[in-house]
Amino acid sequence: MDMCLKKLVPNLPYMKSLFLGWFEPLRNAIKQEQEMYQEGKNRTMCSSYFDLLSPEMMSVITMHKLAGVLMSRGGNGIARVVQASLLIGDAIKQEV
C-alpha cells in the first residue's frame, strides 16, 4: 500500500496497478505466517516450505500463477481453488 499512498499507482497501466495493490498485503501476510512459524506458533503440514523463500518471491510467484490461471480459463476470471493452489505449490517447489 505504500505505492498507493505515494500516488504512484495511478500512473501505471491497469494490470500493474492491480498487482501493486495485491503485492504488499500478500507479502505482509506471508511474512507474518513465516514469523509465526519461526516462533513455533504455526506448525501445519506446509509450514516448513513457507520459510524457504522470501515473502517477496512467494508473493510474485503466487500472483503470477493465479493471474495465469484466471486468464487461461476462457477469459471469464474463474479459477478452481484446488487447481490454483496446486499450481502455486508446484511453482514454489520448483523455485526452491
Protein backbone atom coordinates (compact mmCIF):
# COMPACT_ATOMS: atom_id res chain seq x y z
CA MET A 1 0.00 0.00 0.00
CA ASP A 2 2.99 2.33 0.24
CA MET A 3 2.91 2.76 -3.52
CA CYS A 4 -0.78 3.65 -3.40
CA LEU A 5 -0.26 6.20 -0.64
CA LYS A 6 2.51 7.90 -2.59
CA LYS A 7 0.16 8.26 -5.60
CA LEU A 8 2.49 6.22 -7.82
CA VAL A 9 -0.05 3.58 -8.83
CA PRO A 10 -2.50 5.66 -10.93
CA ASN A 11 0.28 6.43 -13.43
CA LEU A 12 0.76 2.73 -14.20
CA PRO A 13 -1.31 0.59 -16.54
CA TYR A 14 -4.25 -1.26 -15.00
CA MET A 15 -2.59 -4.66 -14.52
CA LYS A 16 0.49 -3.18 -12.91
CA SER A 17 -1.63 -1.17 -10.50
CA LEU A 18 -3.67 -4.29 -9.76
CA PHE A 19 -0.52 -6.27 -8.98
CA LEU A 20 0.88 -3.48 -6.83
CA GLY A 21 -2.38 -3.30 -4.92
CA TRP A 22 -2.17 -7.02 -4.12
CA PHE A 23 1.59 -7.37 -3.69
CA GLU A 24 2.16 -5.58 -0.40
CA PRO A 25 -0.80 -7.07 1.52
CA LEU A 26 0.06 -10.57 0.27
CA ARG A 27 3.74 -10.12 1.10
CA ASN A 28 2.86 -8.87 4.59
CA ALA A 29 0.56 -11.85 5.21
CA ILE A 30 3.23 -14.30 4.08
CA LYS A 31 5.82 -12.56 6.24
CA GLN A 32 3.50 -12.79 9.25
CA GLU A 33 2.98 -16.53 8.63
CA GLN A 34 6.74 -17.03 8.36
CA GLU A 35 7.29 -15.22 11.66
CA MET A 36 4.63 -17.38 13.34
CA TYR A 37 6.38 -20.49 12.03
CA GLN A 38 9.76 -19.30 13.28
CA GLU A 39 8.29 -18.61 16.73
CA GLY A 40 6.80 -22.11 16.81
CA LYS A 41 3.19 -20.93 16.79
CA ASN A 42 2.24 -22.37 13.42
CA ARG A 43 3.15 -25.99 12.68
CA THR A 44 0.93 -27.06 9.82
CA MET A 45 1.93 -29.59 7.20
CA CYS A 46 3.18 -26.97 4.72
CA SER A 47 4.80 -24.64 7.26
CA SER A 48 8.32 -25.90 6.59
CA TYR A 49 8.02 -24.80 2.95
CA PHE A 50 6.85 -21.34 3.96
CA ASP A 51 10.27 -20.48 5.33
CA LEU A 52 12.34 -21.44 2.29
CA LEU A 53 11.65 -18.41 0.09
CA SER A 54 11.39 -14.73 0.82
CA PRO A 55 7.90 -13.26 1.22
CA GLU A 56 8.50 -11.11 -1.86
CA MET A 57 9.38 -14.11 -4.02
CA MET A 58 6.39 -16.11 -2.79
CA SER A 59 4.09 -13.16 -3.48
CA VAL A 60 5.34 -12.76 -7.03
CA ILE A 61 5.04 -16.49 -7.74
CA THR A 62 1.53 -16.60 -6.28
CA MET A 63 0.28 -13.59 -8.21
CA HIS A 64 1.87 -14.76 -11.46
CA LYS A 65 0.38 -18.25 -11.29
CA LEU A 66 -3.02 -17.03 -10.16
CA ALA A 67 -3.18 -14.46 -12.96
CA GLY A 68 -2.24 -17.18 -15.43
CA VAL A 69 -5.00 -19.47 -14.16
CA LEU A 70 -7.58 -16.70 -14.26
CA MET A 71 -6.71 -15.70 -17.81
CA SER A 72 -6.46 -19.24 -19.20
CA ARG A 73 -9.96 -20.46 -18.34
CA GLY A 74 -11.94 -18.90 -21.15
CA GLY A 75 -11.29 -15.35 -20.05
CA ASN A 76 -14.15 -15.17 -17.56
CA GLY A 77 -11.98 -14.80 -14.44
CA ILE A 78 -12.91 -18.08 -12.77
CA ALA A 79 -10.41 -20.45 -11.17
CA ARG A 80 -10.83 -23.64 -9.22
CA VAL A 81 -9.26 -23.17 -5.81
CA VAL A 82 -7.65 -26.60 -5.61
CA GLN A 83 -6.19 -26.36 -9.09
CA ALA A 84 -4.82 -22.87 -8.42
CA SER A 85 -3.37 -23.99 -5.08
CA LEU A 86 -1.62 -26.96 -6.67
CA LEU A 87 -0.15 -24.81 -9.44
CA ILE A 88 1.13 -22.27 -6.93
CA GLY A 89 2.56 -25.03 -4.74
CA ASP A 90 4.32 -26.65 -7.70
CA ALA A 91 5.80 -23.31 -8.77
CA ILE A 92 7.11 -22.62 -5.27
CA LYS A 93 8.51 -26.14 -5.05
CA GLN A 94 10.33 -25.68 -8.37
CA GLU A 95 11.79 -22.39 -7.18
CA VAL A 96 13.22 -23.98 -4.04
